[in-house]
C-alpha atoms as a PDB file:
ATOM      1  CA  MET A   1       0.000   0.000   0.000  1.00  0.00           C
ATOM      2  CA  ALA A   2       1.353   3.410  -0.983  1.00  0.00           C
ATOM      3  CA  SER A   3       2.213   6.131   1.499  1.00  0.00           C
ATOM      4  CA  ALA A   4      -0.287   8.949   1.982  1.00  0.00           C
ATOM      5  CA  TYR A   5       2.596  11.430   1.777  1.00  0.00           C
ATOM      6  CA  THR A   6       4.388  12.886  -1.214  1.00  0.00           C
ATOM      7  CA  GLN A   7       8.146  12.964  -1.504  1.00  0.00           C
ATOM      8  CA  SER A   8       7.974  16.696  -0.845  1.00  0.00           C
ATOM      9  CA  GLN A   9       6.091  16.111   2.408  1.00  0.00           C
ATOM     10  CA  ILE A  10       8.567  13.442   3.493  1.00  0.00           C
ATOM     11  CA  SER A  11      11.508  15.709   2.693  1.00  0.00           C
ATOM     12  CA  ALA A  12       9.927  18.464   4.788  1.00  0.00           C
ATOM     13  CA  TYR A  13       9.504  16.007   7.646  1.00  0.00           C
ATOM     14  CA  LEU A  14      13.159  14.971   7.540  1.00  0.00           C
ATOM     15  CA  SER A  15      14.078  18.645   7.863  1.00  0.00           C
ATOM     16  CA  HIS A  16      11.507  19.068  10.651  1.00  0.00           C
ATOM     17  CA  ILE A  17      13.188  16.388  12.803  1.00  0.00           C
ATOM     18  CA  GLU A  18      16.675  17.758  12.003  1.00  0.00           C
ATOM     19  CA  ILE A  19      18.017  14.423  10.876  1.00  0.00           C
ATOM     20  CA  PRO A  20      21.637  14.615   9.544  1.00  0.00           C
ATOM     21  CA  PRO A  21      21.977  15.566   5.853  1.00  0.00           C
ATOM     22  CA  LYS A  22      23.339  12.103   4.982  1.00  0.00           C
ATOM     23  CA  TYR A  23      19.809  10.765   5.594  1.00  0.00           C
ATOM     24  CA  HIS A  24      17.971  13.318   3.442  1.00  0.00           C
ATOM     25  CA  LEU A  25      16.335  12.211   0.214  1.00  0.00           C
ATOM     26  CA  SER A  26      18.887  14.106  -1.865  1.00  0.00           C
ATOM     27  CA  ALA A  27      21.619  11.865  -0.397  1.00  0.00           C
ATOM     28  CA  ASN A  28      19.649   8.695  -1.271  1.00  0.00           C
ATOM     29  CA  PRO A  29      20.707   6.844   1.895  1.00  0.00           C
ATOM     30  CA  PRO A  30      20.461   3.055   1.989  1.00  0.00           C
ATOM     31  CA  ARG A  31      17.264   1.854   3.678  1.00  0.00           C
ATOM     32  CA  ASP A  32      19.223   0.049   6.345  1.00  0.00           C
ATOM     33  CA  ALA A  33      19.211  -0.369  10.125  1.00  0.00           C
ATOM     34  CA  ALA A  34      21.333   2.758  10.660  1.00  0.00           C
ATOM     35  CA  PHE A  35      18.837   4.925   8.781  1.00  0.00           C
ATOM     36  CA  LEU A  36      15.922   3.352  10.658  1.00  0.00           C
ATOM     37  CA  LYS A  37      17.634   3.981  14.008  1.00  0.00           C
ATOM     38  CA  ALA A  38      18.298   7.628  13.135  1.00  0.00           C
ATOM     39  CA  LEU A  39      14.666   8.075  12.081  1.00  0.00           C
ATOM     40  CA  HIS A  40      13.502   6.550  15.357  1.00  0.00           C
ATOM     41  CA  ILE A  41      15.759   8.696  17.552  1.00  0.00           C
ATOM     42  CA  HIS A  42      14.972  11.952  15.763  1.00  0.00           C
ATOM     43  CA  THR A  43      11.248  11.190  15.676  1.00  0.00           C
ATOM     44  CA  ILE A  44      10.766  10.484  19.396  1.00  0.00           C
ATOM     45  CA  SER A  45      12.930  13.479  20.355  1.00  0.00           C
ATOM     46  CA  THR A  46      10.981  15.833  18.058  1.00  0.00           C
ATOM     47  CA  LEU A  47       7.429  14.464  18.238  1.00  0.00           C
ATOM     48  CA  PRO A  48       6.248  14.261  21.835  1.00  0.00           C
ATOM     49  CA  TYR A  49       3.984  11.478  22.955  1.00  0.00           C
ATOM     50  CA  GLU A  50       0.967  13.571  23.988  1.00  0.00           C
ATOM     51  CA  ASN A  51      -2.791  13.184  24.199  1.00  0.00           C
ATOM     52  CA  LEU A  52      -3.626  16.889  24.237  1.00  0.00           C
ATOM     53  CA  SER A  53      -6.146  16.604  21.394  1.00  0.00           C
ATOM     54  CA  LEU A  54      -8.414  14.697  23.781  1.00  0.00           C
ATOM     55  CA  HIS A  55      -8.351  17.560  26.280  1.00  0.00           C
ATOM     56  CA  TYR A  56      -7.419  20.899  24.670  1.00  0.00           C
ATOM     57  CA  ASN A  57     -10.062  20.515  21.999  1.00  0.00           C
ATOM     58  CA  ALA A  58     -13.718  21.527  21.797  1.00  0.00           C
ATOM     59  CA  THR A  59     -14.701  18.047  20.540  1.00  0.00           C
ATOM     60  CA  HIS A  60     -12.228  16.101  22.718  1.00  0.00           C
ATOM     61  CA  ARG A  61     -11.556  13.831  19.759  1.00  0.00           C
ATOM     62  CA  ASN A  62      -8.502  13.170  17.618  1.00  0.00           C
ATOM     63  CA  SER A  63      -8.133  12.261  13.957  1.00  0.00           C
ATOM     64  CA  LEU A  64      -6.092   9.433  12.468  1.00  0.00           C
ATOM     65  CA  ASP A  65      -6.376  10.792   8.937  1.00  0.00           C
ATOM     66  CA  PRO A  66      -2.764  10.934   7.667  1.00  0.00           C
ATOM     67  CA  GLN A  67      -3.150  14.443   6.231  1.00  0.00           C
ATOM     68  CA  ASP A  68      -4.675  15.762   9.465  1.00  0.00           C
ATOM     69  CA  LEU A  69      -1.736  14.258  11.313  1.00  0.00           C
ATOM     70  CA  TYR A  70       0.757  15.815   8.911  1.00  0.00           C
ATOM     71  CA  ARG A  71      -0.762  19.282   9.320  1.00  0.00           C
ATOM     72  CA  LYS A  72      -0.778  18.956  13.101  1.00  0.00           C
ATOM     73  CA  ILE A  73       2.750  17.579  13.433  1.00  0.00           C
ATOM     74  CA  VAL A  74       4.710  19.226  10.615  1.00  0.00           C
ATOM     75  CA  GLU A  75       2.897  22.069   8.898  1.00  0.00           C
ATOM     76  CA  ASN A  76       1.552  23.825  11.999  1.00  0.00           C
ATOM     77  CA  ASN A  77       5.059  23.677  13.507  1.00  0.00           C
ATOM     78  CA  ARG A  78       3.929  24.121  17.124  1.00  0.00           C
ATOM     79  CA  GLY A  79       5.824  21.223  18.649  1.00  0.00           C
ATOM     80  CA  ARG A  80       2.881  18.844  18.508  1.00  0.00           C
ATOM     81  CA  GLY A  81       2.961  15.067  18.337  1.00  0.00           C
ATOM     82  CA  GLY A  82       0.218  12.691  19.358  1.00  0.00           C
ATOM     83  CA  TYR A  83      -0.551   9.595  21.321  1.00  0.00           C
ATOM     84  CA  CYS A  84       0.326   6.075  20.224  1.00  0.00           C
ATOM     85  CA  MET A  85      -1.922   5.619  17.209  1.00  0.00           C
ATOM     86  CA  GLU A  86      -1.385   9.153  15.937  1.00  0.00           C
ATOM     87  CA  ASN A  87       2.418   9.019  16.055  1.00  0.00           C
ATOM     88  CA  SER A  88       2.694   5.420  14.862  1.00  0.00           C
ATOM     89  CA  ILE A  89       0.283   5.757  11.929  1.00  0.00           C
ATOM     90  CA  PHE A  90       1.970   8.998  10.884  1.00  0.00           C
ATOM     91  CA  PHE A  91       5.389   7.308  11.096  1.00  0.00           C
ATOM     92  CA  ASN A  92       4.110   4.275   9.190  1.00  0.00           C
ATOM     93  CA  HIS A  93       3.327   6.497   6.199  1.00  0.00           C
ATOM     94  CA  ILE A  94       6.728   8.194   6.479  1.00  0.00           C
ATOM     95  CA  LEU A  95       8.451   4.790   6.419  1.00  0.00           C
ATOM     96  CA  ARG A  96       6.355   3.596   3.482  1.00  0.00           C
ATOM     97  CA  GLY A  97       7.153   6.743   1.542  1.00  0.00           C
ATOM     98  CA  LEU A  98      10.856   6.217   2.198  1.00  0.00           C
ATOM     99  CA  GLY A  99      10.655   2.714   0.763  1.00  0.00           C
ATOM    100  CA  PHE A 100      10.855   0.623   3.919  1.00  0.00           C
ATOM    101  CA  LEU A 101       8.902  -2.647   4.094  1.00  0.00           C
ATOM    102  CA  VAL A 102       6.615  -2.006   7.065  1.00  0.00           C
ATOM    103  CA  TYR A 103       3.297  -2.978   8.617  1.00  0.00           C
ATOM    104  CA  THR A 104       1.523  -2.201  11.890  1.00  0.00           C
ATOM    105  CA  ALA A 105       0.656  -4.621  14.685  1.00  0.00           C
ATOM    106  CA  GLY A 106      -1.837  -4.128  17.499  1.00  0.00           C
ATOM    107  CA  VAL A 107      -0.619  -4.187  21.087  1.00  0.00           C
ATOM    108  CA  ARG A 108      -2.098  -5.301  24.395  1.00  0.00           C
ATOM    109  CA  ILE A 109      -0.583  -3.495  27.378  1.00  0.00           C
ATOM    110  CA  ARG A 110      -0.478  -3.949  31.127  1.00  0.00           C
ATOM    111  CA  LEU A 111      -1.488  -0.940  33.191  1.00  0.00           C
ATOM    112  CA  ARG A 112       0.831   0.407  35.858  1.00  0.00           C
ATOM    113  CA  GLU A 113       0.304  -0.534  39.482  1.00  0.00           C
ATOM    114  CA  ASN A 114       2.406   1.542  41.900  1.00  0.00           C
ATOM    115  CA  GLY A 115       4.510   2.715  38.999  1.00  0.00           C
ATOM    116  CA  VAL A 116       5.236  -0.623  37.322  1.00  0.00           C
ATOM    117  CA  PRO A 117       3.183  -2.767  34.887  1.00  0.00           C
ATOM    118  CA  GLY A 118       0.900  -5.149  36.742  1.00  0.00           C
ATOM    119  CA  GLY A 119      -2.108  -7.403  36.342  1.00  0.00           C
ATOM    120  CA  ASP A 120      -3.367  -8.953  33.132  1.00  0.00           C
ATOM    121  CA  TYR A 121      -3.083  -7.451  29.683  1.00  0.00           C
ATOM    122  CA  VAL A 122      -5.921  -5.186  28.568  1.00  0.00           C
ATOM    123  CA  GLY A 123      -7.297  -5.049  25.011  1.00  0.00           C
ATOM    124  CA  TRP A 124      -5.807  -3.568  21.840  1.00  0.00           C
ATOM    125  CA  VAL A 125      -4.977   0.007  22.877  1.00  0.00           C
ATOM    126  CA  HIS A 126      -1.571   0.541  21.266  1.00  0.00           C
ATOM    127  CA  ILE A 127       0.221  -0.168  17.980  1.00  0.00           C
ATOM    128  CA  VAL A 128       3.805  -0.632  16.810  1.00  0.00           C
ATOM    129  CA  ASN A 129       5.451  -0.701  13.407  1.00  0.00           C
ATOM    130  CA  ILE A 130       7.210  -3.846  12.211  1.00  0.00           C
ATOM    131  CA  VAL A 131       9.965  -3.107   9.686  1.00  0.00           C
ATOM    132  CA  THR A 132      11.824  -5.768   7.690  1.00  0.00           C
ATOM    133  CA  ILE A 133      15.397  -5.058   6.564  1.00  0.00           C
ATOM    134  CA  ASP A 134      17.417  -7.778   4.790  1.00  0.00           C
ATOM    135  CA  GLY A 135      15.111 -10.437   6.166  1.00  0.00           C
ATOM    136  CA  GLN A 136      15.361  -9.230   9.783  1.00  0.00           C
ATOM    137  CA  LYS A 137      12.244  -7.783  11.438  1.00  0.00           C
ATOM    138  CA  TYR A 138      12.444  -4.845  13.848  1.00  0.00           C
ATOM    139  CA  MET A 139       9.861  -3.466  16.242  1.00  0.00           C
ATOM    140  CA  VAL A 140       9.703   0.315  15.946  1.00  0.00           C
ATOM    141  CA  ASP A 141       7.658   2.092  18.614  1.00  0.00           C
ATOM    142  CA  VAL A 142       7.569   5.891  18.366  1.00  0.00           C
ATOM    143  CA  GLY A 143       4.369   6.334  20.346  1.00  0.00           C
ATOM    144  CA  PHE A 144       4.648   4.705  23.764  1.00  0.00           C
ATOM    145  CA  GLY A 145       6.140   7.345  25.999  1.00  0.00           C
ATOM    146  CA  GLY A 146       7.807   6.506  29.315  1.00  0.00           C
ATOM    147  CA  ASP A 147       9.811   3.254  29.427  1.00  0.00           C
ATOM    148  CA  GLY A 148       9.367   2.906  25.674  1.00  0.00           C
ATOM    149  CA  ALA A 149      12.158   1.762  23.373  1.00  0.00           C
ATOM    150  CA  THR A 150      14.520   4.510  22.276  1.00  0.00           C
ATOM    151  CA  ARG A 151      15.664   2.563  19.194  1.00  0.00           C
ATOM    152  CA  PRO A 152      14.376  -0.155  16.837  1.00  0.00           C
ATOM    153  CA  ILE A 153      14.449  -3.590  18.498  1.00  0.00           C
ATOM    154  CA  PRO A 154      15.188  -6.716  16.405  1.00  0.00           C
ATOM    155  CA  LEU A 155      12.566  -9.424  16.742  1.00  0.00           C
ATOM    156  CA  ILE A 156      15.080 -11.780  18.355  1.00  0.00           C
ATOM    157  CA  PRO A 157      13.954 -13.294  21.659  1.00  0.00           C
ATOM    158  CA  ASN A 158      15.931 -12.851  24.878  1.00  0.00           C
ATOM    159  CA  SER A 159      18.459 -10.371  23.469  1.00  0.00           C
ATOM    160  CA  PRO A 160      18.686  -7.429  25.919  1.00  0.00           C
ATOM    161  CA  VAL A 161      19.822  -4.017  24.688  1.00  0.00           C
ATOM    162  CA  LYS A 162      20.594  -0.798  26.544  1.00  0.00           C
ATOM    163  CA  ASN A 163      17.833   1.779  26.560  1.00  0.00           C
ATOM    164  CA  LEU A 164      17.977   4.933  28.705  1.00  0.00           C
ATOM    165  CA  GLY A 165      20.545   5.202  31.492  1.00  0.00           C
ATOM    166  CA  THR A 166      20.835   1.854  33.283  1.00  0.00           C
ATOM    167  CA  GLN A 167      17.596   0.572  31.758  1.00  0.00           C
ATOM    168  CA  GLU A 168      17.617  -2.518  29.552  1.00  0.00           C
ATOM    169  CA  ILE A 169      14.863  -3.729  27.226  1.00  0.00           C
ATOM    170  CA  GLN A 170      14.196  -6.968  25.380  1.00  0.00           C
ATOM    171  CA  LEU A 171      11.582  -8.993  23.545  1.00  0.00           C
ATOM    172  CA  VAL A 172      10.592 -12.511  24.555  1.00  0.00           C
ATOM    173  CA  ARG A 173       8.279 -15.056  22.936  1.00  0.00           C
ATOM    174  CA  ASP A 174       5.592 -16.406  25.251  1.00  0.00           C
ATOM    175  CA  HIS A 175       1.891 -16.612  25.981  1.00  0.00           C
ATOM    176  CA  ILE A 176       0.121 -14.087  28.190  1.00  0.00           C
ATOM    177  CA  PRO A 177      -1.937 -15.322  31.172  1.00  0.00           C
ATOM    178  CA  SER A 178      -5.385 -14.952  29.564  1.00  0.00           C
ATOM    179  CA  GLN A 179      -4.525 -17.054  26.491  1.00  0.00           C
ATOM    180  CA  THR A 180      -6.136 -20.506  26.426  1.00  0.00           C
ATOM    181  CA  HIS A 181      -4.909 -21.732  23.031  1.00  0.00           C
ATOM    182  CA  ARG A 182      -1.269 -22.324  23.946  1.00  0.00           C
ATOM    183  CA  VAL A 183       0.744 -23.633  21.017  1.00  0.00           C
ATOM    184  CA  GLU A 184       3.928 -22.273  19.482  1.00  0.00           C
ATOM    185  CA  ASP A 185       2.070 -20.424  16.728  1.00  0.00           C
ATOM    186  CA  THR A 186      -0.013 -18.432  19.251  1.00  0.00           C
ATOM    187  CA  GLN A 187       2.931 -17.106  21.216  1.00  0.00           C
ATOM    188  CA  LEU A 188       3.248 -13.322  21.271  1.00  0.00           C
ATOM    189  CA  TRP A 189       6.184 -10.944  21.299  1.00  0.00           C
ATOM    190  CA  ILE A 190       6.374  -9.480  24.799  1.00  0.00           C
ATOM    191  CA  TYR A 191       8.212  -6.199  25.415  1.00  0.00           C
ATOM    192  CA  GLN A 192      10.045  -6.095  28.745  1.00  0.00           C
ATOM    193  CA  TYR A 193      12.197  -3.577  30.588  1.00  0.00           C
ATOM    194  CA  ARG A 194      14.267  -3.505  33.758  1.00  0.00           C
ATOM    195  CA  ASN A 195      16.061  -0.557  35.370  1.00  0.00           C
ATOM    196  CA  GLY A 196      19.262  -2.457  36.166  1.00  0.00           C
ATOM    197  CA  GLU A 197      20.869  -5.759  35.203  1.00  0.00           C
ATOM    198  CA  HIS A 198      20.236  -7.259  38.656  1.00  0.00           C
ATOM    199  CA  LEU A 199      16.561  -6.273  38.772  1.00  0.00           C
ATOM    200  CA  PRO A 200      13.613  -8.384  37.560  1.00  0.00           C
ATOM    201  CA  TRP A 201      12.144  -7.877  34.113  1.00  0.00           C
ATOM    202  CA  ASN A 202       8.805  -6.042  33.830  1.00  0.00           C
ATOM    203  CA  SER A 203       6.551  -7.304  31.021  1.00  0.00           C
ATOM    204  CA  PHE A 204       4.801  -4.214  29.658  1.00  0.00           C
ATOM    205  CA  TYR A 205       3.073  -5.104  26.391  1.00  0.00           C
ATOM    206  CA  ALA A 206       2.514  -7.902  23.898  1.00  0.00           C
ATOM    207  CA  PHE A 207       1.910  -7.965  20.145  1.00  0.00           C
ATOM    208  CA  PRO A 208       1.329 -10.626  17.454  1.00  0.00           C
ATOM    209  CA  ASP A 209       3.071 -11.224  14.145  1.00  0.00           C
ATOM    210  CA  PHE A 210       0.031 -10.378  12.014  1.00  0.00           C
ATOM    211  CA  GLU A 211      -0.893  -7.030  10.493  1.00  0.00           C
ATOM    212  CA  PHE A 212      -3.569  -4.628  11.743  1.00  0.00           C
ATOM    213  CA  MET A 213      -5.572  -2.541   9.270  1.00  0.00           C
ATOM    214  CA  GLU A 214      -7.103   0.932   9.176  1.00  0.00           C
ATOM    215  CA  ALA A 215     -10.504  -0.448  10.190  1.00  0.00           C
ATOM    216  CA  ASP A 216      -8.900  -1.914  13.330  1.00  0.00           C
ATOM    217  CA  PHE A 217      -7.335   1.425  14.241  1.00  0.00           C
ATOM    218  CA  LYS A 218     -10.697   3.191  14.067  1.00  0.00           C
ATOM    219  CA  ILE A 219     -12.182   0.830  16.644  1.00  0.00           C
ATOM    220  CA  MET A 220      -9.101   1.023  18.865  1.00  0.00           C
ATOM    221  CA  ASN A 221      -8.952   4.805  18.623  1.00  0.00           C
ATOM    222  CA  TRP A 222     -12.629   5.163  19.520  1.00  0.00           C
ATOM    223  CA  PHE A 223     -12.160   3.251  22.776  1.00  0.00           C
ATOM    224  CA  THR A 224      -8.866   4.829  23.831  1.00  0.00           C
ATOM    225  CA  GLY A 225     -10.070   8.334  22.995  1.00  0.00           C
ATOM    226  CA  SER A 226     -13.709   8.124  24.103  1.00  0.00           C
ATOM    227  CA  SER A 227     -14.360   5.476  26.724  1.00  0.00           C
ATOM    228  CA  PRO A 228     -14.546   6.633  30.362  1.00  0.00           C
ATOM    229  CA  GLU A 229     -12.661   3.410  31.159  1.00  0.00           C
ATOM    230  CA  ALA A 230      -9.665   4.528  29.090  1.00  0.00           C
ATOM    231  CA  HIS A 231      -7.067   6.411  31.139  1.00  0.00           C
ATOM    232  CA  GLN A 232      -6.318   8.691  28.182  1.00  0.00           C
ATOM    233  CA  THR A 233      -9.689  10.391  28.676  1.00  0.00           C
ATOM    234  CA  TYR A 234      -9.038  11.494  32.249  1.00  0.00           C
ATOM    235  CA  ASN A 235      -5.255  12.046  32.252  1.00  0.00           C
ATOM    236  CA  VAL A 236      -3.319  14.776  30.454  1.00  0.00           C
ATOM    237  CA  ILE A 237      -0.040  13.210  29.327  1.00  0.00           C
ATOM    238  CA  ALA A 238       3.077  14.402  27.526  1.00  0.00           C
ATOM    239  CA  VAL A 239       6.464  12.684  27.132  1.00  0.00           C
ATOM    240  CA  LYS A 240       9.425  14.138  25.247  1.00  0.00           C
ATOM    241  CA  PHE A 241      12.702  12.285  24.761  1.00  0.00           C
ATOM    242  CA  LEU A 242      15.898  14.357  24.718  1.00  0.00           C
ATOM    243  CA  ARG A 243      18.773  13.819  22.297  1.00  0.00           C
ATOM    244  CA  LYS A 244      22.361  14.979  22.016  1.00  0.00           C
ATOM    245  CA  LYS A 245      25.251  14.428  19.654  1.00  0.00           C
ATOM    246  CA  LEU A 246      28.244  12.390  20.750  1.00  0.00           C
ATOM    247  CA  GLU A 247      31.634  13.273  19.309  1.00  0.00           C
ATOM    248  CA  GLY A 248      32.076  11.555  15.974  1.00  0.00           C
ATOM    249  CA  GLU A 249      28.715   9.798  16.197  1.00  0.00           C
ATOM    250  CA  ASP A 250      25.089  10.318  15.337  1.00  0.00           C
ATOM    251  CA  GLU A 251      22.802  11.709  18.017  1.00  0.00           C
ATOM    252  CA  VAL A 252      21.535   9.571  20.890  1.00  0.00           C
ATOM    253  CA  ILE A 253      18.733   9.712  23.446  1.00  0.00           C
ATOM    254  CA  TYR A 254      20.020  10.776  26.878  1.00  0.00           C
ATOM    255  CA  GLY A 255      16.882  11.667  28.850  1.00  0.00           C
ATOM    256  CA  LYS A 256      13.171  12.359  28.880  1.00  0.00           C
ATOM    257  CA  ARG A 257      10.582  14.740  30.278  1.00  0.00           C
ATOM    258  CA  MET A 258       7.124  13.654  31.363  1.00  0.00           C
ATOM    259  CA  MET A 259       3.900  15.413  32.320  1.00  0.00           C
ATOM    260  CA  LEU A 260       1.008  13.692  34.077  1.00  0.00           C
ATOM    261  CA  ASN A 261      -1.830  16.114  34.679  1.00  0.00           C
ATOM    262  CA  GLY A 262      -0.096  18.915  36.623  1.00  0.00           C
ATOM    263  CA  THR A 263       3.214  17.227  37.480  1.00  0.00           C
ATOM    264  CA  VAL A 264       6.295  17.615  35.276  1.00  0.00           C
ATOM    265  CA  LYS A 265       9.206  15.210  35.819  1.00  0.00           C
ATOM    266  CA  GLU A 266      12.612  14.843  34.208  1.00  0.00           C
ATOM    267  CA  ASN A 267      14.993  11.900  33.901  1.00  0.00           C
ATOM    268  CA  LEU A 268      18.439  12.592  32.477  1.00  0.00           C
ATOM    269  CA  GLY A 269      19.504   8.968  32.488  1.00  0.00           C
ATOM    270  CA  GLY A 270      19.416   8.405  36.216  1.00  0.00           C
ATOM    271  CA  LYS A 271      16.842   9.278  38.854  1.00  0.00           C
ATOM    272  CA  THR A 272      13.486  10.832  37.943  1.00  0.00           C
ATOM    273  CA  VAL A 273      12.888  14.177  39.660  1.00  0.00           C
ATOM    274  CA  ILE A 274       9.912  16.543  39.794  1.00  0.00           C
ATOM    275  CA  VAL A 275      10.739  19.853  38.135  1.00  0.00           C
ATOM    276  CA  GLN A 276       7.362  21.604  38.323  1.00  0.00           C
ATOM    277  CA  GLU A 277       3.915  21.239  39.864  1.00  0.00           C
ATOM    278  CA  CYS A 278       1.175  23.026  37.923  1.00  0.00           C
ATOM    279  CA  THR A 279      -2.039  23.979  39.713  1.00  0.00           C
ATOM    280  CA  THR A 280      -3.719  26.163  37.070  1.00  0.00           C
ATOM    281  CA  GLU A 281      -4.231  26.051  33.336  1.00  0.00           C
ATOM    282  CA  VAL A 282      -2.018  29.100  32.869  1.00  0.00           C
ATOM    283  CA  GLU A 283       0.822  27.264  34.584  1.00  0.00           C
ATOM    284  CA  ARG A 284       0.283  24.032  32.651  1.00  0.00           C
ATOM    285  CA  VAL A 285       0.066  25.724  29.253  1.00  0.00           C
ATOM    286  CA  ALA A 286       3.302  27.580  30.035  1.00  0.00           C
ATOM    287  CA  ALA A 287       4.932  24.327  31.227  1.00  0.00           C
ATOM    288  CA  LEU A 288       3.992  22.544  27.995  1.00  0.00           C
ATOM    289  CA  ARG A 289       5.849  25.242  26.097  1.00  0.00           C
ATOM    290  CA  GLN A 290       8.848  25.452  28.442  1.00  0.00           C
ATOM    291  CA  TRP A 291       9.506  21.745  28.983  1.00  0.00           C
ATOM    292  CA  PHE A 292       8.077  20.131  25.832  1.00  0.00           C
ATOM    293  CA  GLY A 293       8.202  22.865  23.186  1.00  0.00           C
ATOM    294  CA  ILE A 294       4.433  22.615  22.648  1.00  0.00           C
ATOM    295  CA  THR A 295       2.550  25.814  21.827  1.00  0.00           C
ATOM    296  CA  LEU A 296      -1.243  25.608  22.106  1.00  0.00           C
ATOM    297  CA  SER A 297      -3.509  27.838  20.055  1.00  0.00           C
ATOM    298  CA  GLU A 298      -6.084  30.071  21.726  1.00  0.00           C
ATOM    299  CA  GLU A 299      -8.823  27.774  20.444  1.00  0.00           C
ATOM    300  CA  GLU A 300      -7.114  24.778  22.028  1.00  0.00           C
ATOM    301  CA  LYS A 301      -6.681  26.571  25.357  1.00  0.00           C
ATOM    302  CA  VAL A 302     -10.395  27.337  25.459  1.00  0.00           C
ATOM    303  CA  GLY A 303     -11.273  23.749  24.567  1.00  0.00           C
ATOM    304  CA  ILE A 304     -10.365  22.403  28.011  1.00  0.00           C
ATOM    305  CA  ILE A 305     -12.558  24.846  29.956  1.00  0.00           C
ATOM    306  CA  GLY A 306     -15.213  22.876  31.813  1.00  0.00           C
ATOM    307  CA  HIS A 307     -13.651  19.539  30.869  1.00  0.00           C
ATOM    308  CA  VAL A 308     -12.889  16.964  33.561  1.00  0.00           C
ATOM    309  CA  THR A 309      -9.143  17.484  33.138  1.00  0.00           C
ATOM    310  CA  GLU A 310      -9.162  21.278  33.454  1.00  0.00           C
ATOM    311  CA  LEU A 311      -6.673  22.341  36.129  1.00  0.00           C
ATOM    312  CA  LYS A 312      -8.178  24.532  38.832  1.00  0.00           C
ATOM    313  CA  ARG A 313      -6.118  25.533  41.819  1.00  0.00           C
ATOM    314  CA  ALA A 314      -8.764  24.514  44.371  1.00  0.00           C
ATOM    315  CA  THR A 315      -8.984  20.960  43.015  1.00  0.00           C
ATOM    316  CA  ALA A 316      -5.485  20.453  41.634  1.00  0.00           C
ATOM    317  CA  ASN A 317      -4.426  18.132  44.456  1.00  0.00           C
ATOM    318  CA  THR A 318      -7.256  15.696  43.685  1.00  0.00           C
ATOM    319  CA  ARG A 319      -6.392  15.182  40.042  1.00  0.00           C
END
């Protein structure tokens, strides 16, 4: 299936994420693992994971139309990204337009309990891109946020790689607890992380080998963006990865910033610290610009007034 984006749009995107000139279309870079890694790093450090369209919006709805996503992310140039399906579908069309062999897979996640993934896996609420290069498949996740992969991960079981700071990540092949049909063909890829080599692995999400289609995304997006049971509808979230250039090398991810409702945290590869507590909308809008580079329009600022996630000083501590 062809990309929704023209070569001109893709070229503009590569400039938008400030990827090195050797990866621009004019240089005709090989569609290899190095190019894919650079795309991943520059995408997650330019496009924040954020669900602001569900809150700072009169309709409290988002669009998965590729052209709507392109206008929001690139053309409007206000530092916007999107949540999982927005960023991953957008990136899928970028990869297709660049000539990569890629498809999307649905993901079941585990919700956090006391800060770490716990309990059983919930339904399809996330997606990843699966890219094949020289016969090797890679999971590419540019829309997960905190504890997400900062680089493409080969679909090779039990092969840990360094992520951010002391964190390691890996994929394993296994069944999840709720599966009843347990044969080799029904095993899933399970994404795990741990914050040190002597700590236990945390299983965070699981995905199959088969492809998900646009019709699947519409159903998934309706639940995650509309259901009162979906945490996206009652939490304001933003995550921005930070990159820097090492001497003689391409740029790398070295930290991240996170907002949950009124709390802004930062992790520069070690301990996570709170850097700001917002108690009003004025403070939060300013924090989105200061810490995440996101500028909201006047229409967007008005869109949250009266919504359940509006920050009001008197009730800020209960949110």
